[in-house]
């Protein structure tokens, strides 16, 4: 199960827009997932997730070393296909590492 947090300024509108696109991509790739919404101000301390996608620019790092991707292209519509491709590549790498790490 891939655990994803999607974060935006308010944690609602753009999070929903981006979440829908990421859920669709994960579903098409047949990757089981759970998506949790959050505010950008919360990303530093998020735990128990595999990745964080934020809808705006940020330089904040996660204290638990959870990878953060900037997903603004999903809102702008420019570079969104490339973002989804990179997102899925990283998801698969994380899932593979989890599988091999549990052996």
Foldseek 3Di string as FASTA:
>chain_A
DAEEEEEEAVQPDVSVLVVVVLVVLCVVVVHDYDYHTDYPVCQQADDPHQAYEYLDDDPRAHPVRRHYHDQVCSVVVPCNVVVSVVVVVVSVVSVVCVVVVVD
